[in-house]
Amino acid sequence: MSAAPLPSQRPVSVSPTPALPRLLLSFASVLDEGCQSLLGTLALPHLTRLLALGPTVTPETPAPTDGERTLTPPHERAHSALLGMSAPDGQVPWAAWSTHSTTAAAWFTPCHQEVGNGHVTLHDPQALGLSEAHSRTLLAALQPWAQEDGITLTWHAPDRWLAQGAVFEGQATASLDRVVGRSIAPWLPMAPAAAPLRRLQNEAQMLFYTHPAHDERVAAGLAPVNAFWISGSGACPTAPAGIADNVTVDDRLRTPALRGDWAAWQLAWQQLDAEVLPAWLARAQAGERVQLTLCGERSFTTLAWGPRSPWQRFRANISNIFGTQRLSELLSPL
């Protein structure tokens, strides 16, 4: 895996998004051979029936040449586009957007990094089970060091601290979903302007290692917090308007995909098909305008349904033009 190319410095822009029901599924397909081998065997009757209605299929345009190496993964690119945001790679301002911050910001995620075999691997922060007490005390320990670099830290959740400061203006950072379970080296911010952030990360490693929370977690049989990851960096051009309520993001495929548990990933797909997609199938069959965006590691594809003519409805009732193999062909390139 090689480092992603440095992004251009185009500013973030925000444009209105029409009120159209949209469903976005992250990790609908993964490049791992274990996942690819399952695509031809997925039994998803409601999705298959949706595809049989003949949606308009629109691949991501333009799709990155090396889509799996971008700092911003496809599901975040698709989500930001659905929200009307456009930003360079690694600069979708998720932290500023979701907290209505009017200054440049990023997420600091306390995590556990494991050294071995010549590289450092970042473990899924959601698996840490970090308590609010430990999270708050670690943040308090880091705050003075961050302030020296002009960064203000605010506790937001056990696994998420809001960092605000001028250093995040135009700063490109890799999404956690790119790094979990992988070597961190290709994904570290290496631009000259990121030097203070890399120094702060190094200082945090020493600080957290000597913190009482380290020994308390080890004594409890838990992995210690020995680092933090930076993501969601950037600034919104105006006060954020908030997340549109017409966009539904379902990320239940994420955890099994990041863990490489393909049996659990297949089960999560079956649950999605049984619990979520019937409502979207009913809407599409009724001729409503709806969209479904399927995201993989390289790109995303958007399927759109709308009002149909009597002939289109008749054809859909008598012909299943998408079989399991067609479903596999749809998901595999993502």
Protein backbone atom coordinates (compact mmCIF):
# COMPACT_ATOMS: atom_id res chain seq x y z
CA MET A 1 0.00 0.00 0.00
CA SER A 2 1.48 3.36 -0.96
CA ALA A 3 0.71 6.80 0.36
CA ALA A 4 -2.10 8.75 -1.25
CA PRO A 5 -1.08 11.68 -3.44
CA LEU A 6 -1.20 15.12 -1.90
CA PRO A 7 -4.58 16.76 -2.54
CA SER A 8 -5.05 19.98 -4.42
CA GLN A 9 -5.87 23.06 -2.40
CA ARG A 10 -9.32 23.73 -3.76
CA PRO A 11 -11.60 25.25 -1.10
CA VAL A 12 -14.56 23.42 0.33
CA SER A 13 -17.83 24.42 -1.29
CA VAL A 14 -21.38 23.83 -0.09
CA SER A 15 -24.43 23.65 -2.34
CA PRO A 16 -28.09 22.82 -1.62
CA THR A 17 -29.27 19.23 -1.94
CA PRO A 18 -32.82 18.40 -3.11
CA ALA A 19 -35.10 16.61 -0.66
CA LEU A 20 -34.87 13.13 -2.15
CA PRO A 21 -34.84 10.00 0.07
CA ARG A 22 -31.34 8.57 -0.16
CA LEU A 23 -29.82 5.47 1.45
CA LEU A 24 -26.06 5.02 1.63
CA LEU A 25 -24.38 1.70 2.46
CA SER A 26 -20.69 1.72 3.33
CA PHE A 27 -18.47 -1.35 2.77
CA ALA A 28 -21.03 -2.91 0.42
CA SER A 29 -18.01 -4.57 -1.19
CA VAL A 30 -14.39 -4.97 -0.05
CA LEU A 31 -11.28 -5.84 -2.05
CA ASP A 32 -10.21 -8.66 0.29
CA GLU A 33 -10.33 -12.05 -1.43
CA GLY A 34 -12.51 -13.43 1.36
CA CYS A 35 -15.16 -10.84 0.58
CA GLN A 36 -14.86 -11.12 -3.20
CA SER A 37 -15.38 -14.88 -3.01
CA LEU A 38 -18.73 -14.32 -1.29
CA LEU A 39 -20.19 -11.82 -3.75
CA GLY A 40 -21.43 -14.49 -6.14
CA THR A 41 -23.22 -16.34 -3.33
CA LEU A 42 -24.98 -13.42 -1.62
CA ALA A 43 -28.70 -14.13 -1.33
CA LEU A 44 -30.33 -10.70 -1.13
CA PRO A 45 -33.90 -11.08 -2.45
CA HIS A 46 -35.09 -7.53 -1.77
CA LEU A 47 -32.03 -5.93 -3.36
CA THR A 48 -32.39 -8.30 -6.31
CA ARG A 49 -36.02 -7.25 -6.73
CA LEU A 50 -34.99 -3.60 -6.50
CA LEU A 51 -32.46 -4.13 -9.27
CA ALA A 52 -35.11 -5.89 -11.34
CA LEU A 53 -37.06 -2.61 -11.42
CA GLY A 54 -34.41 -1.23 -13.75
CA PRO A 55 -32.81 1.65 -11.84
CA THR A 56 -30.62 4.29 -13.40
CA VAL A 57 -27.07 3.25 -12.50
CA THR A 58 -24.56 6.08 -12.07
CA PRO A 59 -20.96 5.18 -11.14
CA GLU A 60 -18.85 7.71 -9.26
CA THR A 61 -17.65 10.32 -11.74
CA PRO A 62 -14.81 10.91 -11.90
CA ALA A 63 -13.62 7.89 -9.95
CA PRO A 64 -10.03 8.15 -8.63
CA THR A 65 -7.49 6.07 -10.53
CA ASP A 66 -6.22 4.53 -7.30
CA GLY A 67 -9.46 4.80 -5.36
CA GLU A 68 -8.37 2.46 -2.58
CA ARG A 69 -5.45 4.79 -1.75
CA THR A 70 -7.42 8.00 -1.27
CA LEU A 71 -7.44 9.53 2.21
CA THR A 72 -11.22 9.95 1.98
CA PRO A 73 -12.89 6.56 1.35
CA PRO A 74 -15.75 6.24 -1.16
CA HIS A 75 -18.54 6.20 1.43
CA GLU A 76 -17.31 9.51 2.86
CA ARG A 77 -16.96 11.00 -0.63
CA ALA A 78 -20.48 9.86 -1.45
CA HIS A 79 -21.88 11.10 1.85
CA SER A 80 -20.28 14.53 1.53
CA ALA A 81 -21.63 14.78 -2.04
CA LEU A 82 -25.14 13.90 -0.85
CA LEU A 83 -24.84 16.63 1.76
CA GLY A 84 -23.85 19.11 -0.92
CA MET A 85 -20.21 19.40 0.17
CA SER A 86 -17.22 19.26 -2.12
CA ALA A 87 -13.68 19.13 -0.75
CA PRO A 88 -10.20 17.92 -1.73
CA ASP A 89 -9.10 14.45 -0.72
CA GLY A 90 -8.68 14.18 3.04
CA GLN A 91 -10.29 17.56 3.68
CA VAL A 92 -13.98 16.83 4.11
CA PRO A 93 -14.52 18.85 7.32
CA TRP A 94 -16.50 16.28 9.26
CA ALA A 95 -15.48 17.60 12.68
CA ALA A 96 -16.40 21.21 11.89
CA TRP A 97 -19.54 20.19 10.01
CA SER A 98 -21.02 17.91 12.66
CA THR A 99 -20.22 20.22 15.60
CA HIS A 100 -21.21 23.45 13.80
CA SER A 101 -17.70 24.76 14.38
CA THR A 102 -16.98 28.03 12.60
CA THR A 103 -13.23 27.45 12.89
CA ALA A 104 -11.01 24.79 11.33
CA ALA A 105 -11.24 21.54 13.26
CA ALA A 106 -10.50 17.81 13.28
CA TRP A 107 -11.34 14.70 15.26
CA PHE A 108 -8.76 13.27 17.64
CA THR A 109 -9.59 9.62 18.27
CA PRO A 110 -7.79 7.93 21.21
CA CYS A 111 -6.65 4.52 20.05
CA HIS A 112 -4.30 1.58 20.51
CA GLN A 113 -1.44 1.09 18.07
CA GLU A 114 0.53 -2.16 18.02
CA VAL A 115 4.16 -2.38 16.94
CA GLY A 116 5.18 -5.56 15.14
CA ASN A 117 6.80 -6.99 12.01
CA GLY A 118 8.36 -3.68 11.09
CA HIS A 119 5.16 -1.67 11.07
CA VAL A 120 2.61 -0.08 13.40
CA THR A 121 -1.00 -1.28 13.18
CA LEU A 122 -3.96 0.76 14.39
CA HIS A 123 -6.66 -1.30 16.14
CA ASP A 124 -10.32 -0.37 15.83
CA PRO A 125 -10.98 2.31 18.49
CA GLN A 126 -14.57 1.10 18.83
CA ALA A 127 -13.23 -2.18 20.23
CA LEU A 128 -11.30 -0.42 23.04
CA GLY A 129 -14.28 0.00 25.34
CA LEU A 130 -12.76 3.27 26.54
CA SER A 131 -14.63 4.64 29.55
CA GLU A 132 -15.69 8.27 29.77
CA ALA A 133 -13.53 8.71 32.89
CA HIS A 134 -10.36 7.44 31.21
CA SER A 135 -11.13 9.37 28.03
CA ARG A 136 -11.62 12.64 29.89
CA THR A 137 -8.49 12.25 31.99
CA LEU A 138 -6.34 11.44 28.95
CA LEU A 139 -7.72 14.46 27.12
CA ALA A 140 -6.96 16.66 30.14
CA ALA A 141 -3.38 15.39 30.16
CA LEU A 142 -2.95 16.19 26.46
CA GLN A 143 -4.61 19.61 26.54
CA PRO A 144 -1.57 21.67 27.68
CA TRP A 145 0.61 20.12 24.98
CA ALA A 146 -2.04 20.82 22.33
CA GLN A 147 -2.46 24.40 23.47
CA GLU A 148 1.23 25.04 22.85
CA ASP A 149 0.51 24.32 19.18
CA GLY A 150 -2.58 26.52 19.13
CA ILE A 151 -5.00 23.58 19.34
CA THR A 152 -8.04 23.65 21.60
CA LEU A 153 -9.30 20.23 22.70
CA THR A 154 -12.90 19.63 23.77
CA TRP A 155 -14.31 16.32 24.95
CA HIS A 156 -17.08 15.11 22.65
CA ALA A 157 -17.33 11.35 23.31
CA PRO A 158 -15.07 8.66 24.81
CA ASP A 159 -13.67 7.84 21.37
CA ARG A 160 -13.82 11.31 19.87
CA TRP A 161 -12.27 14.61 20.90
CA LEU A 162 -12.87 17.85 19.02
CA ALA A 163 -9.62 19.64 18.10
CA GLN A 164 -9.84 23.23 16.81
CA GLY A 165 -7.03 25.37 15.48
CA ALA A 166 -5.58 27.09 12.43
CA VAL A 167 -3.35 24.08 11.75
CA PHE A 168 -6.38 22.17 10.43
CA GLU A 169 -7.11 24.75 7.72
CA GLY A 170 -6.35 22.96 4.43
CA GLN A 171 -4.88 20.01 6.33
CA ALA A 172 -5.37 16.61 4.70
CA THR A 173 -5.86 13.61 7.01
CA ALA A 174 -6.82 9.99 6.43
CA SER A 175 -10.15 8.59 7.54
CA LEU A 176 -10.05 6.03 10.34
CA ASP A 177 -11.82 3.64 7.98
CA ARG A 178 -8.71 3.65 5.80
CA VAL A 179 -6.33 2.83 8.66
CA VAL A 180 -8.05 0.41 11.04
CA GLY A 181 -6.31 -2.95 10.95
CA ARG A 182 -3.53 -1.66 8.70
CA SER A 183 -0.07 -0.15 8.93
CA ILE A 184 -0.37 3.55 9.73
CA ALA A 185 2.74 4.57 7.75
CA PRO A 186 1.08 5.27 4.36
CA TRP A 187 -1.69 7.27 6.00
CA LEU A 188 0.18 9.65 8.29
CA PRO A 189 -0.07 13.38 7.40
CA MET A 190 3.36 14.12 5.91
CA ALA A 191 2.88 17.64 4.50
CA PRO A 192 5.25 20.23 6.02
CA ALA A 193 2.27 22.00 7.61
CA ALA A 194 1.46 18.79 9.52
CA ALA A 195 4.79 18.77 11.42
CA PRO A 196 3.19 20.14 14.63
CA LEU A 197 0.57 17.39 14.48
CA ARG A 198 3.15 14.64 14.06
CA ARG A 199 5.12 16.07 16.99
CA LEU A 200 1.98 16.15 19.13
CA GLN A 201 1.24 12.53 18.24
CA ASN A 202 4.75 11.54 19.32
CA GLU A 203 4.39 13.47 22.58
CA ALA A 204 1.05 11.80 23.24
CA GLN A 205 2.63 8.34 22.96
CA MET A 206 5.08 9.11 25.77
CA LEU A 207 2.45 10.94 27.81
CA PHE A 208 -0.15 8.17 27.60
CA TYR A 209 2.42 5.45 28.35
CA THR A 210 3.26 7.03 31.72
CA HIS A 211 -0.35 7.96 32.57
CA PRO A 212 -2.11 6.00 35.38
CA ALA A 213 -4.86 5.07 32.92
CA HIS A 214 -2.31 2.95 31.05
CA ASP A 215 -1.61 0.69 34.03
CA GLU A 216 -5.28 0.60 35.06
CA ARG A 217 -6.36 -0.67 31.66
CA VAL A 218 -3.53 -3.22 31.47
CA ALA A 219 -4.44 -4.48 34.96
CA ALA A 220 -8.03 -4.91 33.78
CA GLY A 221 -6.88 -6.92 30.76
CA LEU A 222 -7.66 -4.10 28.33
CA ALA A 223 -5.48 -2.70 25.57
CA PRO A 224 -3.99 0.62 26.68
CA VAL A 225 -4.59 3.88 24.87
CA ASN A 226 -1.17 4.79 23.48
CA ALA A 227 -1.95 7.17 20.61
CA PHE A 228 -4.62 9.24 18.88
CA TRP A 229 -5.61 9.42 15.22
CA ILE A 230 -6.46 12.65 13.39
CA SER A 231 -9.30 12.70 10.84
CA GLY A 232 -12.19 14.79 9.54
CA SER A 233 -9.98 17.87 9.24
CA GLY A 234 -10.84 21.15 7.56
CA ALA A 235 -13.02 24.21 7.80
CA CYS A 236 -16.52 24.95 6.59
CA PRO A 237 -16.80 28.15 4.52
CA THR A 238 -19.85 29.26 6.49
CA ALA A 239 -21.64 28.15 9.63
CA PRO A 240 -22.62 24.50 8.96
CA ALA A 241 -26.28 23.90 8.24
CA GLY A 242 -26.34 20.44 9.81
CA ILE A 243 -26.77 16.99 8.31
CA ALA A 244 -29.67 16.71 5.87
CA ASP A 245 -32.47 14.53 7.18
CA ASN A 246 -33.12 13.00 3.75
CA VAL A 247 -29.84 11.04 3.83
CA THR A 248 -29.84 7.70 5.67
CA VAL A 249 -26.40 6.16 6.29
CA ASP A 250 -26.33 2.52 7.39
CA ASP A 251 -22.85 1.37 8.41
CA ARG A 252 -23.59 -2.07 9.88
CA LEU A 253 -21.28 -3.64 7.27
CA ARG A 254 -18.34 -1.56 8.54
CA THR A 255 -17.23 -3.45 11.65
CA PRO A 256 -17.17 -6.96 10.16
CA ALA A 257 -15.46 -5.60 7.04
CA LEU A 258 -12.71 -3.87 8.99
CA ARG A 259 -12.20 -7.00 11.08
CA GLY A 260 -12.17 -9.27 8.04
CA ASP A 261 -15.01 -11.34 9.49
CA TRP A 262 -16.71 -12.24 6.23
CA ALA A 263 -19.29 -14.57 7.77
CA ALA A 264 -20.45 -11.66 9.95
CA TRP A 265 -20.29 -9.32 6.96
CA GLN A 266 -22.52 -11.68 4.95
CA LEU A 267 -24.95 -11.88 7.88
CA ALA A 268 -25.02 -8.07 8.15
CA TRP A 269 -25.88 -7.87 4.43
CA GLN A 270 -28.72 -10.36 4.94
CA GLN A 271 -30.02 -8.27 7.86
CA LEU A 272 -29.90 -5.14 5.73
CA ASP A 273 -31.83 -6.90 3.00
CA ALA A 274 -34.47 -8.17 5.45
CA GLU A 275 -34.81 -5.11 7.70
CA VAL A 276 -34.02 -2.01 5.64
CA LEU A 277 -34.44 -2.69 1.93
CA PRO A 278 -38.11 -3.83 2.00
CA ALA A 279 -39.21 -0.24 2.70
CA TRP A 280 -37.09 1.06 -0.16
CA LEU A 281 -38.44 -1.67 -2.44
CA ALA A 282 -41.99 -0.67 -1.57
CA ARG A 283 -41.22 2.97 -2.36
CA ALA A 284 -39.63 2.12 -5.67
CA GLN A 285 -42.51 -0.20 -6.62
CA ALA A 286 -44.92 2.66 -5.84
CA GLY A 287 -43.06 4.86 -8.31
CA GLU A 288 -41.46 7.14 -5.73
CA ARG A 289 -38.13 8.80 -6.40
CA VAL A 290 -35.50 7.14 -4.20
CA GLN A 291 -31.77 6.53 -4.36
CA LEU A 292 -29.43 3.83 -3.06
CA THR A 293 -25.66 4.42 -3.00
CA LEU A 294 -23.42 1.36 -2.69
CA CYS A 295 -19.84 2.05 -1.58
CA GLY A 296 -16.74 -0.10 -1.68
CA GLU A 297 -13.05 0.63 -1.11
CA ARG A 298 -12.37 2.13 -4.56
CA SER A 299 -15.56 3.87 -5.64
CA PHE A 300 -19.31 4.11 -5.24
CA THR A 301 -22.34 3.62 -7.47
CA THR A 302 -25.71 5.31 -7.12
CA LEU A 303 -28.94 3.57 -8.16
CA ALA A 304 -31.99 5.75 -8.72
CA TRP A 305 -35.65 4.87 -9.12
CA GLY A 306 -38.55 7.11 -10.06
CA PRO A 307 -42.01 7.18 -11.64
CA ARG A 308 -42.46 4.41 -14.21
CA SER A 309 -44.68 4.02 -17.23
CA PRO A 310 -47.25 1.19 -17.37
CA TRP A 311 -44.94 -0.67 -19.77
CA GLN A 312 -42.01 -0.37 -17.33
CA ARG A 313 -44.16 -1.68 -14.50
CA PHE A 314 -45.38 -4.57 -16.66
CA ARG A 315 -41.85 -5.48 -17.71
CA ALA A 316 -40.63 -5.42 -14.10
CA ASN A 317 -43.42 -7.79 -13.08
CA ILE A 318 -42.60 -10.42 -15.68
CA SER A 319 -38.81 -10.16 -15.96
CA ASN A 320 -36.10 -10.44 -13.37
CA ILE A 321 -33.30 -8.92 -15.41
CA PHE A 322 -30.82 -8.90 -12.51
CA GLY A 323 -29.81 -12.25 -11.07
CA THR A 324 -27.26 -13.12 -8.39
CA GLN A 325 -24.44 -12.99 -10.94
CA ARG A 326 -25.51 -9.48 -11.99
CA LEU A 327 -25.47 -8.44 -8.33
CA SER A 328 -21.93 -9.73 -8.07
CA GLU A 329 -20.94 -7.77 -11.17
CA LEU A 330 -22.40 -4.62 -9.62
CA LEU A 331 -20.58 -4.98 -6.28
CA SER A 332 -17.22 -6.41 -7.32
CA PRO A 333 -15.77 -3.28 -9.02
CA LEU A 334 -16.54 -1.01 -6.06
